[in-house]
Amino acid sequence: MAEIATVARPYAEALFRVAQSGDMAAWSAIASELGQIGANPDVQAFASNPNVTPAQLGDTIASLVKSPLNAEAKNFIAMLAENGRVNVLPAIAVQFAALKNAHEGAADAAVHSAFEISGDQLAQLVATLEKKFGRKLNPTVTVDPSLIGGVRVVVGDEVLDTSVRAKLQQMHVALVS
């Protein structure tokens, strides 16, 4: 896995430098889409087909992107296809997001909730979490009924678990010991 990350790093850094001089939000959307496209097993199988030319591969990947593509984005896709690097698209997307977050002083936050969270509740939760973690957070919410109640938040390698399940586990450990 480290090899893919090593190969992806220069591509992600180059893409990030281009995005800094342009529309960061648009480039972020393109990088995310390319990561999803590159992770698709059908695309990987198509890319590894020896009968497919790099030009065909680049055109096919470009046609799968829903975001508007400028000439630079098309050149980026064509270069990846030409160099046989379509398999590193997911790693490029991850590294691009990390570079973008570092530049903005932000971090991705995975919020696991026992129940659906409304927009207002999420805004309040994110405001509180941003104070706690000391940086801007980009939340992704998933519903996990096994938490019973509360939330579990993962920001990088930090975990804040205020779920009922965690409290019950703590009580269990205390009672058993």
N, C-alpha and C. Protein backbone atom coordinates (compact mmCIF):
# COMPACT_ATOMS: atom_id res chain seq x y z
N MET A 1 0.82 -1.20 0.00
CA MET A 1 0.00 0.00 0.00
C MET A 1 0.86 1.26 0.00
N ALA A 2 1.99 1.20 0.67
CA ALA A 2 2.86 2.37 0.72
C ALA A 2 3.35 2.74 -0.68
N GLU A 3 3.53 1.74 -1.54
CA GLU A 3 4.00 2.01 -2.88
C GLU A 3 2.99 2.86 -3.66
N ILE A 4 1.71 2.54 -3.54
CA ILE A 4 0.68 3.31 -4.23
C ILE A 4 0.66 4.74 -3.70
N ALA A 5 0.79 4.91 -2.38
CA ALA A 5 0.81 6.25 -1.81
C ALA A 5 2.01 7.04 -2.29
N THR A 6 3.14 6.36 -2.42
CA THR A 6 4.35 7.02 -2.89
C THR A 6 4.21 7.46 -4.34
N VAL A 7 3.61 6.61 -5.17
CA VAL A 7 3.38 6.95 -6.58
C VAL A 7 2.37 8.07 -6.70
N ALA A 8 1.35 8.06 -5.85
CA ALA A 8 0.27 9.05 -5.93
C ALA A 8 0.68 10.43 -5.45
N ARG A 9 1.65 10.50 -4.54
CA ARG A 9 2.01 11.78 -3.93
C ARG A 9 2.36 12.88 -4.94
N PRO A 10 3.27 12.64 -5.90
CA PRO A 10 3.59 13.74 -6.84
C PRO A 10 2.40 14.19 -7.67
N TYR A 11 1.53 13.25 -8.04
CA TYR A 11 0.33 13.62 -8.80
C TYR A 11 -0.60 14.48 -7.95
N ALA A 12 -0.79 14.08 -6.69
CA ALA A 12 -1.66 14.84 -5.79
C ALA A 12 -1.10 16.23 -5.54
N GLU A 13 0.21 16.31 -5.34
CA GLU A 13 0.83 17.61 -5.10
C GLU A 13 0.73 18.51 -6.32
N ALA A 14 0.94 17.95 -7.50
CA ALA A 14 0.82 18.74 -8.74
C ALA A 14 -0.62 19.23 -8.92
N LEU A 15 -1.57 18.34 -8.69
CA LEU A 15 -2.98 18.71 -8.81
C LEU A 15 -3.33 19.80 -7.80
N PHE A 16 -2.79 19.70 -6.60
CA PHE A 16 -3.05 20.70 -5.57
C PHE A 16 -2.46 22.05 -5.95
N ARG A 17 -1.25 22.06 -6.52
CA ARG A 17 -0.65 23.33 -6.95
C ARG A 17 -1.49 24.00 -8.03
N VAL A 18 -2.01 23.21 -8.95
CA VAL A 18 -2.89 23.77 -9.99
C VAL A 18 -4.17 24.30 -9.35
N ALA A 19 -4.71 23.56 -8.38
CA ALA A 19 -5.95 23.98 -7.73
C ALA A 19 -5.76 25.27 -6.94
N GLN A 20 -4.58 25.47 -6.37
CA GLN A 20 -4.33 26.69 -5.61
C GLN A 20 -4.40 27.93 -6.49
N SER A 21 -4.02 27.79 -7.74
CA SER A 21 -4.05 28.94 -8.64
C SER A 21 -5.40 29.07 -9.35
N GLY A 22 -6.31 28.14 -9.10
CA GLY A 22 -7.62 28.17 -9.74
C GLY A 22 -8.74 28.08 -8.72
N ASP A 23 -9.76 27.33 -9.06
CA ASP A 23 -10.94 27.17 -8.21
C ASP A 23 -10.76 25.90 -7.37
N MET A 24 -10.40 26.08 -6.09
CA MET A 24 -10.12 24.94 -5.21
C MET A 24 -11.33 24.03 -5.06
N ALA A 25 -12.52 24.60 -4.95
CA ALA A 25 -13.72 23.78 -4.77
C ALA A 25 -13.98 22.90 -6.00
N ALA A 26 -13.81 23.46 -7.19
CA ALA A 26 -14.03 22.69 -8.40
C ALA A 26 -13.00 21.57 -8.52
N TRP A 27 -11.73 21.88 -8.23
CA TRP A 27 -10.69 20.85 -8.31
C TRP A 27 -10.90 19.78 -7.25
N SER A 28 -11.39 20.18 -6.10
CA SER A 28 -11.67 19.21 -5.04
C SER A 28 -12.76 18.24 -5.48
N ALA A 29 -13.79 18.77 -6.13
CA ALA A 29 -14.87 17.91 -6.63
C ALA A 29 -14.36 16.96 -7.71
N ILE A 30 -13.51 17.47 -8.59
CA ILE A 30 -12.95 16.63 -9.65
C ILE A 30 -12.08 15.53 -9.05
N ALA A 31 -11.22 15.89 -8.10
CA ALA A 31 -10.34 14.90 -7.47
C ALA A 31 -11.15 13.82 -6.76
N SER A 32 -12.20 14.24 -6.08
CA SER A 32 -13.06 13.27 -5.38
C SER A 32 -13.74 12.32 -6.37
N GLU A 33 -14.28 12.88 -7.44
CA GLU A 33 -14.92 12.04 -8.46
C GLU A 33 -13.94 11.08 -9.11
N LEU A 34 -12.75 11.59 -9.42
CA LEU A 34 -11.74 10.73 -10.04
C LEU A 34 -11.35 9.59 -9.10
N GLY A 35 -11.30 9.88 -7.80
CA GLY A 35 -11.00 8.84 -6.82
C GLY A 35 -12.06 7.75 -6.81
N GLN A 36 -13.32 8.16 -6.88
CA GLN A 36 -14.42 7.19 -6.92
C GLN A 36 -14.40 6.39 -8.22
N ILE A 37 -14.13 7.07 -9.31
CA ILE A 37 -14.08 6.39 -10.61
C ILE A 37 -12.93 5.38 -10.63
N GLY A 38 -11.77 5.81 -10.14
CA GLY A 38 -10.60 4.93 -10.12
C GLY A 38 -10.76 3.73 -9.21
N ALA A 39 -11.61 3.84 -8.20
CA ALA A 39 -11.83 2.72 -7.28
C ALA A 39 -12.82 1.70 -7.82
N ASN A 40 -13.54 2.06 -8.86
CA ASN A 40 -14.54 1.16 -9.44
C ASN A 40 -13.85 -0.05 -10.09
N PRO A 41 -14.25 -1.27 -9.71
CA PRO A 41 -13.61 -2.46 -10.28
C PRO A 41 -13.75 -2.57 -11.81
N ASP A 42 -14.87 -2.10 -12.34
CA ASP A 42 -15.06 -2.14 -13.80
C ASP A 42 -14.06 -1.22 -14.50
N VAL A 43 -13.81 -0.06 -13.92
CA VAL A 43 -12.85 0.88 -14.51
C VAL A 43 -11.45 0.28 -14.42
N GLN A 44 -11.14 -0.33 -13.29
CA GLN A 44 -9.82 -0.96 -13.14
C GLN A 44 -9.63 -2.08 -14.16
N ALA A 45 -10.66 -2.87 -14.36
CA ALA A 45 -10.58 -3.96 -15.35
C ALA A 45 -10.40 -3.37 -16.75
N PHE A 46 -11.14 -2.31 -17.05
CA PHE A 46 -11.03 -1.66 -18.35
C PHE A 46 -9.61 -1.10 -18.54
N ALA A 47 -9.07 -0.50 -17.48
CA ALA A 47 -7.73 0.10 -17.56
C ALA A 47 -6.65 -0.95 -17.75
N SER A 48 -6.86 -2.14 -17.23
CA SER A 48 -5.84 -3.18 -17.35
C SER A 48 -5.99 -4.01 -18.63
N ASN A 49 -7.01 -3.71 -19.43
CA ASN A 49 -7.21 -4.43 -20.69
C ASN A 49 -6.15 -3.98 -21.70
N PRO A 50 -5.34 -4.93 -22.21
CA PRO A 50 -4.27 -4.54 -23.13
C PRO A 50 -4.77 -4.04 -24.49
N ASN A 51 -6.02 -4.30 -24.82
CA ASN A 51 -6.57 -3.84 -26.10
C ASN A 51 -7.05 -2.39 -26.06
N VAL A 52 -7.08 -1.80 -24.87
CA VAL A 52 -7.54 -0.42 -24.72
C VAL A 52 -6.33 0.50 -24.79
N THR A 53 -6.39 1.48 -25.67
CA THR A 53 -5.30 2.43 -25.80
C THR A 53 -5.39 3.48 -24.69
N PRO A 54 -4.28 4.10 -24.34
CA PRO A 54 -4.33 5.16 -23.32
C PRO A 54 -5.30 6.28 -23.69
N ALA A 55 -5.41 6.61 -24.97
CA ALA A 55 -6.34 7.67 -25.40
C ALA A 55 -7.78 7.25 -25.13
N GLN A 56 -8.10 5.99 -25.43
CA GLN A 56 -9.45 5.49 -25.16
C GLN A 56 -9.73 5.51 -23.67
N LEU A 57 -8.74 5.08 -22.88
CA LEU A 57 -8.91 5.05 -21.43
C LEU A 57 -9.13 6.46 -20.88
N GLY A 58 -8.31 7.40 -21.32
CA GLY A 58 -8.46 8.78 -20.86
C GLY A 58 -9.81 9.37 -21.24
N ASP A 59 -10.25 9.13 -22.48
CA ASP A 59 -11.55 9.64 -22.93
C ASP A 59 -12.69 9.02 -22.13
N THR A 60 -12.57 7.72 -21.84
CA THR A 60 -13.62 7.04 -21.08
C THR A 60 -13.71 7.59 -19.67
N ILE A 61 -12.57 7.75 -19.01
CA ILE A 61 -12.58 8.29 -17.65
C ILE A 61 -13.11 9.71 -17.65
N ALA A 62 -12.70 10.52 -18.60
CA ALA A 62 -13.19 11.90 -18.68
C ALA A 62 -14.70 11.94 -18.89
N SER A 63 -15.22 10.97 -19.65
CA SER A 63 -16.67 10.94 -19.88
C SER A 63 -17.44 10.53 -18.63
N LEU A 64 -16.79 9.85 -17.70
CA LEU A 64 -17.45 9.41 -16.48
C LEU A 64 -17.53 10.52 -15.42
N VAL A 65 -16.71 11.55 -15.55
CA VAL A 65 -16.69 12.64 -14.58
C VAL A 65 -17.89 13.54 -14.82
N LYS A 66 -18.67 13.78 -13.78
CA LYS A 66 -19.88 14.60 -13.91
C LYS A 66 -19.55 16.09 -13.80
N SER A 67 -18.49 16.42 -13.06
CA SER A 67 -18.09 17.82 -12.92
C SER A 67 -17.56 18.32 -14.25
N PRO A 68 -17.72 19.62 -14.51
CA PRO A 68 -17.17 20.16 -15.75
C PRO A 68 -15.64 20.07 -15.73
N LEU A 69 -15.08 19.60 -16.84
CA LEU A 69 -13.63 19.43 -16.94
C LEU A 69 -13.04 20.52 -17.83
N ASN A 70 -12.02 21.19 -17.33
CA ASN A 70 -11.30 22.15 -18.15
C ASN A 70 -10.15 21.43 -18.85
N ALA A 71 -9.38 22.14 -19.64
CA ALA A 71 -8.29 21.53 -20.40
C ALA A 71 -7.23 20.92 -19.48
N GLU A 72 -6.96 21.58 -18.35
CA GLU A 72 -5.97 21.06 -17.42
C GLU A 72 -6.40 19.72 -16.84
N ALA A 73 -7.68 19.61 -16.50
CA ALA A 73 -8.20 18.35 -15.94
C ALA A 73 -8.14 17.24 -16.98
N LYS A 74 -8.49 17.56 -18.21
CA LYS A 74 -8.42 16.56 -19.28
C LYS A 74 -6.98 16.12 -19.51
N ASN A 75 -6.04 17.06 -19.46
CA ASN A 75 -4.63 16.72 -19.61
C ASN A 75 -4.15 15.83 -18.47
N PHE A 76 -4.62 16.12 -17.26
CA PHE A 76 -4.25 15.32 -16.09
C PHE A 76 -4.72 13.88 -16.27
N ILE A 77 -5.96 13.72 -16.69
CA ILE A 77 -6.52 12.38 -16.90
C ILE A 77 -5.76 11.66 -18.02
N ALA A 78 -5.48 12.37 -19.11
CA ALA A 78 -4.75 11.77 -20.24
C ALA A 78 -3.35 11.34 -19.80
N MET A 79 -2.70 12.16 -18.97
CA MET A 79 -1.36 11.82 -18.49
C MET A 79 -1.39 10.56 -17.61
N LEU A 80 -2.39 10.47 -16.73
CA LEU A 80 -2.52 9.28 -15.88
C LEU A 80 -2.75 8.04 -16.74
N ALA A 81 -3.60 8.16 -17.74
CA ALA A 81 -3.88 7.02 -18.63
C ALA A 81 -2.62 6.64 -19.40
N GLU A 82 -1.91 7.62 -19.89
CA GLU A 82 -0.69 7.38 -20.67
C GLU A 82 0.39 6.69 -19.82
N ASN A 83 0.48 7.09 -18.55
CA ASN A 83 1.49 6.53 -17.66
C ASN A 83 1.03 5.26 -16.94
N GLY A 84 -0.20 4.81 -17.22
CA GLY A 84 -0.71 3.60 -16.58
C GLY A 84 -0.94 3.77 -15.10
N ARG A 85 -1.39 4.94 -14.69
CA ARG A 85 -1.56 5.25 -13.26
C ARG A 85 -3.02 5.42 -12.84
N VAL A 86 -3.94 4.87 -13.60
CA VAL A 86 -5.35 5.00 -13.24
C VAL A 86 -5.63 4.31 -11.90
N ASN A 87 -4.86 3.28 -11.59
CA ASN A 87 -5.07 2.55 -10.34
C ASN A 87 -4.74 3.38 -9.10
N VAL A 88 -4.01 4.48 -9.25
CA VAL A 88 -3.67 5.30 -8.10
C VAL A 88 -4.64 6.48 -7.90
N LEU A 89 -5.67 6.56 -8.72
CA LEU A 89 -6.64 7.67 -8.58
C LEU A 89 -7.23 7.76 -7.17
N PRO A 90 -7.65 6.65 -6.53
CA PRO A 90 -8.18 6.79 -5.17
C PRO A 90 -7.15 7.37 -4.19
N ALA A 91 -5.89 6.95 -4.30
CA ALA A 91 -4.85 7.48 -3.41
C ALA A 91 -4.58 8.95 -3.70
N ILE A 92 -4.64 9.34 -4.97
CA ILE A 92 -4.46 10.75 -5.33
C ILE A 92 -5.57 11.58 -4.69
N ALA A 93 -6.80 11.09 -4.75
CA ALA A 93 -7.93 11.83 -4.17
C ALA A 93 -7.76 11.99 -2.66
N VAL A 94 -7.33 10.94 -1.98
CA VAL A 94 -7.12 11.00 -0.53
C VAL A 94 -6.02 12.00 -0.19
N GLN A 95 -4.91 11.93 -0.91
CA GLN A 95 -3.80 12.84 -0.63
C GLN A 95 -4.15 14.28 -0.99
N PHE A 96 -4.92 14.47 -2.06
CA PHE A 96 -5.36 15.82 -2.42
C PHE A 96 -6.22 16.40 -1.30
N ALA A 97 -7.16 15.60 -0.78
CA ALA A 97 -8.03 16.06 0.31
C ALA A 97 -7.20 16.41 1.55
N ALA A 98 -6.18 15.61 1.84
CA ALA A 98 -5.32 15.89 2.99
C ALA A 98 -4.55 17.19 2.80
N LEU A 99 -4.04 17.42 1.60
CA LEU A 99 -3.33 18.67 1.30
C LEU A 99 -4.27 19.86 1.42
N LYS A 100 -5.47 19.71 0.90
CA LYS A 100 -6.47 20.79 0.96
C LYS A 100 -6.82 21.11 2.41
N ASN A 101 -7.05 20.06 3.21
CA ASN A 101 -7.38 20.26 4.62
C ASN A 101 -6.23 20.93 5.37
N ALA A 102 -5.00 20.50 5.11
CA ALA A 102 -3.84 21.11 5.78
C ALA A 102 -3.72 22.58 5.39
N HIS A 103 -3.96 22.87 4.13
CA HIS A 103 -3.88 24.26 3.65
C HIS A 103 -4.94 25.13 4.32
N GLU A 104 -6.12 24.58 4.52
CA GLU A 104 -7.23 25.34 5.10
C GLU A 104 -7.26 25.26 6.62
N GLY A 105 -6.37 24.47 7.22
CA GLY A 105 -6.39 24.30 8.67
C GLY A 105 -7.62 23.52 9.11
N ALA A 106 -8.03 22.58 8.29
CA ALA A 106 -9.25 21.82 8.55
C ALA A 106 -8.93 20.34 8.68
N ALA A 107 -9.94 19.57 9.03
CA ALA A 107 -9.79 18.11 9.13
C ALA A 107 -11.14 17.47 8.81
N ASP A 108 -11.08 16.24 8.34
CA ASP A 108 -12.31 15.48 8.10
C ASP A 108 -12.75 14.85 9.42
N ALA A 109 -14.04 14.90 9.67
CA ALA A 109 -14.59 14.32 10.89
C ALA A 109 -15.66 13.30 10.52
N ALA A 110 -15.46 12.07 10.96
CA ALA A 110 -16.46 11.02 10.75
C ALA A 110 -17.35 11.00 11.98
N VAL A 111 -18.60 11.38 11.82
CA VAL A 111 -19.56 11.43 12.92
C VAL A 111 -20.49 10.22 12.79
N HIS A 112 -20.44 9.35 13.78
CA HIS A 112 -21.31 8.19 13.81
C HIS A 112 -22.37 8.46 14.87
N SER A 113 -23.62 8.43 14.46
CA SER A 113 -24.73 8.76 15.35
C SER A 113 -25.70 7.59 15.43
N ALA A 114 -26.32 7.44 16.59
CA ALA A 114 -27.30 6.38 16.76
C ALA A 114 -28.57 6.68 15.97
N PHE A 115 -28.84 7.96 15.74
CA PHE A 115 -30.06 8.38 15.04
C PHE A 115 -29.70 9.42 13.98
N GLU A 116 -30.65 9.69 13.09
CA GLU A 116 -30.48 10.74 12.08
C GLU A 116 -30.22 12.07 12.78
N ILE A 117 -29.35 12.89 12.19
CA ILE A 117 -29.05 14.21 12.74
C ILE A 117 -29.57 15.25 11.76
N SER A 118 -30.36 16.20 12.27
CA SER A 118 -30.88 17.26 11.41
C SER A 118 -29.77 18.26 11.11
N GLY A 119 -30.02 19.13 10.16
CA GLY A 119 -29.04 20.14 9.78
C GLY A 119 -28.66 21.06 10.92
N ASP A 120 -29.66 21.49 11.70
CA ASP A 120 -29.40 22.37 12.84
C ASP A 120 -28.58 21.66 13.91
N GLN A 121 -28.95 20.40 14.20
CA GLN A 121 -28.22 19.63 15.20
C GLN A 121 -26.77 19.43 14.77
N LEU A 122 -26.58 19.14 13.48
CA LEU A 122 -25.23 18.93 12.98
C LEU A 122 -24.41 20.22 13.07
N ALA A 123 -25.03 21.34 12.75
CA ALA A 123 -24.32 22.63 12.84
C ALA A 123 -23.88 22.91 14.28
N GLN A 124 -24.76 22.66 15.24
CA GLN A 124 -24.42 22.85 16.65
C GLN A 124 -23.31 21.90 17.09
N LEU A 125 -23.43 20.64 16.67
CA LEU A 125 -22.42 19.64 17.02
C LEU A 125 -21.07 20.01 16.43
N VAL A 126 -21.05 20.40 15.17
CA VAL A 126 -19.79 20.76 14.51
C VAL A 126 -19.17 21.98 15.17
N ALA A 127 -19.97 22.97 15.54
CA ALA A 127 -19.44 24.16 16.22
C ALA A 127 -18.78 23.77 17.54
N THR A 128 -19.40 22.89 18.29
CA THR A 128 -18.83 22.42 19.55
C THR A 128 -17.55 21.62 19.31
N LEU A 129 -17.59 20.74 18.32
CA LEU A 129 -16.42 19.91 18.03
C LEU A 129 -15.25 20.74 17.51
N GLU A 130 -15.54 21.79 16.73
CA GLU A 130 -14.47 22.65 16.22
C GLU A 130 -13.76 23.34 17.37
N LYS A 131 -14.49 23.73 18.41
CA LYS A 131 -13.87 24.33 19.59
C LYS A 131 -13.00 23.30 20.30
N LYS A 132 -13.51 22.08 20.42
CA LYS A 132 -12.78 21.02 21.13
C LYS A 132 -11.51 20.63 20.39
N PHE A 133 -11.61 20.44 19.07
CA PHE A 133 -10.46 19.98 18.30
C PHE A 133 -9.58 21.13 17.81
N GLY A 134 -10.07 22.36 17.89
CA GLY A 134 -9.27 23.53 17.54
C GLY A 134 -9.01 23.70 16.05
N ARG A 135 -9.90 23.23 15.22
CA ARG A 135 -9.76 23.41 13.77
C ARG A 135 -11.12 23.25 13.11
N LYS A 136 -11.19 23.72 11.87
CA LYS A 136 -12.42 23.60 11.10
C LYS A 136 -12.61 22.13 10.74
N LEU A 137 -13.84 21.65 10.83
CA LEU A 137 -14.13 20.25 10.54
C LEU A 137 -15.06 20.11 9.35
N ASN A 138 -14.80 19.09 8.54
CA ASN A 138 -15.66 18.72 7.43
C ASN A 138 -16.36 17.42 7.83
N PRO A 139 -17.58 17.50 8.33
CA PRO A 139 -18.22 16.30 8.86
C PRO A 139 -18.83 15.39 7.80
N THR A 140 -18.76 14.10 8.07
CA THR A 140 -19.45 13.08 7.29
C THR A 140 -20.24 12.26 8.31
N VAL A 141 -21.54 12.25 8.17
CA VAL A 141 -22.40 11.60 9.16
C VAL A 141 -22.85 10.23 8.67
N THR A 142 -22.74 9.24 9.54
CA THR A 142 -23.29 7.92 9.27
C THR A 142 -24.12 7.51 10.47
N VAL A 143 -25.20 6.79 10.21
CA VAL A 143 -26.08 6.33 11.28
C VAL A 143 -25.66 4.91 11.66
N ASP A 144 -25.41 4.72 12.96
CA ASP A 144 -25.00 3.42 13.50
C ASP A 144 -25.89 3.10 14.70
N PRO A 145 -26.99 2.36 14.49
CA PRO A 145 -27.91 2.07 15.59
C PRO A 145 -27.28 1.30 16.74
N SER A 146 -26.16 0.62 16.51
CA SER A 146 -25.52 -0.15 17.58
C SER A 146 -24.95 0.76 18.67
N LEU A 147 -24.87 2.07 18.42
CA LEU A 147 -24.39 3.00 19.45
C LEU A 147 -25.42 3.21 20.55
N ILE A 148 -26.66 2.86 20.30
CA ILE A 148 -27.81 2.97 21.20
C ILE A 148 -28.23 4.43 21.36
N GLY A 149 -27.31 5.33 21.62
CA GLY A 149 -27.59 6.75 21.77
C GLY A 149 -26.27 7.50 21.74
N GLY A 150 -26.31 8.80 21.49
CA GLY A 150 -25.10 9.60 21.47
C GLY A 150 -24.38 9.55 20.14
N VAL A 151 -23.13 10.04 20.14
CA VAL A 151 -22.33 10.08 18.93
C VAL A 151 -20.92 9.60 19.21
N ARG A 152 -20.28 9.17 18.14
CA ARG A 152 -18.86 8.80 18.16
C ARG A 152 -18.22 9.58 17.03
N VAL A 153 -17.21 10.40 17.34
CA VAL A 153 -16.58 11.27 16.36
C VAL A 153 -15.11 10.87 16.20
N VAL A 154 -14.69 10.70 14.95
CA VAL A 154 -13.30 10.36 14.66
C VAL A 154 -12.72 11.48 13.79
N VAL A 155 -11.68 12.13 14.32
CA VAL A 155 -10.98 13.19 13.59
C VAL A 155 -9.51 12.79 13.55
N GLY A 156 -9.08 12.32 12.38
CA GLY A 156 -7.71 11.83 12.26
C GLY A 156 -7.52 10.62 13.15
N ASP A 157 -6.59 10.73 14.11
CA ASP A 157 -6.36 9.63 15.04
C ASP A 157 -6.99 9.89 16.41
N GLU A 158 -7.79 10.94 16.51
CA GLU A 158 -8.48 11.25 17.76
C GLU A 158 -9.92 10.75 17.69
N VAL A 159 -10.38 10.17 18.81
CA VAL A 159 -11.75 9.64 18.88
C VAL A 159 -12.43 10.23 20.10
N LEU A 160 -13.62 10.75 19.89
CA LEU A 160 -14.47 11.24 20.98
C LEU A 160 -15.72 10.38 20.95
N ASP A 161 -15.86 9.52 21.96
CA ASP A 161 -16.98 8.57 21.98
C ASP A 161 -17.89 8.88 23.16
N THR A 162 -19.04 9.49 22.88
CA THR A 162 -20.01 9.80 23.92
C THR A 162 -21.26 8.95 23.76
N SER A 163 -21.09 7.80 23.13
CA SER A 163 -22.25 6.93 22.88
C SER A 163 -22.62 6.15 24.13
N VAL A 164 -23.86 5.71 24.16
CA VAL A 164 -24.34 4.88 25.26
C VAL A 164 -23.58 3.56 25.28
N ARG A 165 -23.29 3.01 24.10
CA ARG A 165 -22.54 1.75 24.02
C ARG A 165 -21.19 1.88 24.71
N ALA A 166 -20.48 3.00 24.49
CA ALA A 166 -19.18 3.21 25.11
C ALA A 166 -19.31 3.31 26.62
N LYS A 167 -20.34 4.00 27.07
CA LYS A 167 -20.55 4.14 28.52
C LYS A 167 -20.87 2.79 29.16
N LEU A 168 -21.68 1.98 28.46
CA LEU A 168 -21.97 0.64 28.97
C LEU A 168 -20.72 -0.23 29.01
N GLN A 169 -19.87 -0.11 28.01
CA GLN A 169 -18.61 -0.86 28.00
C GLN A 169 -17.72 -0.43 29.16
N GLN A 170 -17.68 0.86 29.46
CA GLN A 170 -16.88 1.36 30.57
C GLN A 170 -17.41 0.82 31.90
N MET A 171 -18.75 0.80 32.01
CA MET A 171 -19.36 0.26 33.23
C MET A 171 -19.05 -1.23 33.35
N HIS A 172 -19.09 -1.96 32.26
CA HIS A 172 -18.81 -3.39 32.26
C HIS A 172 -17.38 -3.65 32.72
N VAL A 173 -16.45 -2.87 32.21
CA VAL A 173 -15.05 -3.03 32.61
C VAL A 173 -14.88 -2.73 34.10
N ALA A 174 -15.55 -1.68 34.57
CA ALA A 174 -15.46 -1.31 35.97
C ALA A 174 -16.04 -2.39 36.90
N LEU A 175 -17.14 -2.99 36.46
CA LEU A 175 -17.79 -4.02 37.28
C LEU A 175 -17.00 -5.33 37.27
N VAL A 176 -16.38 -5.66 36.17
CA VAL A 176 -15.66 -6.92 36.04
C VAL A 176 -14.32 -6.87 36.79
N SER A 177 -13.68 -5.71 36.82
CA SER A 177 -12.36 -5.63 37.45
C SER A 177 -12.39 -5.50 38.94
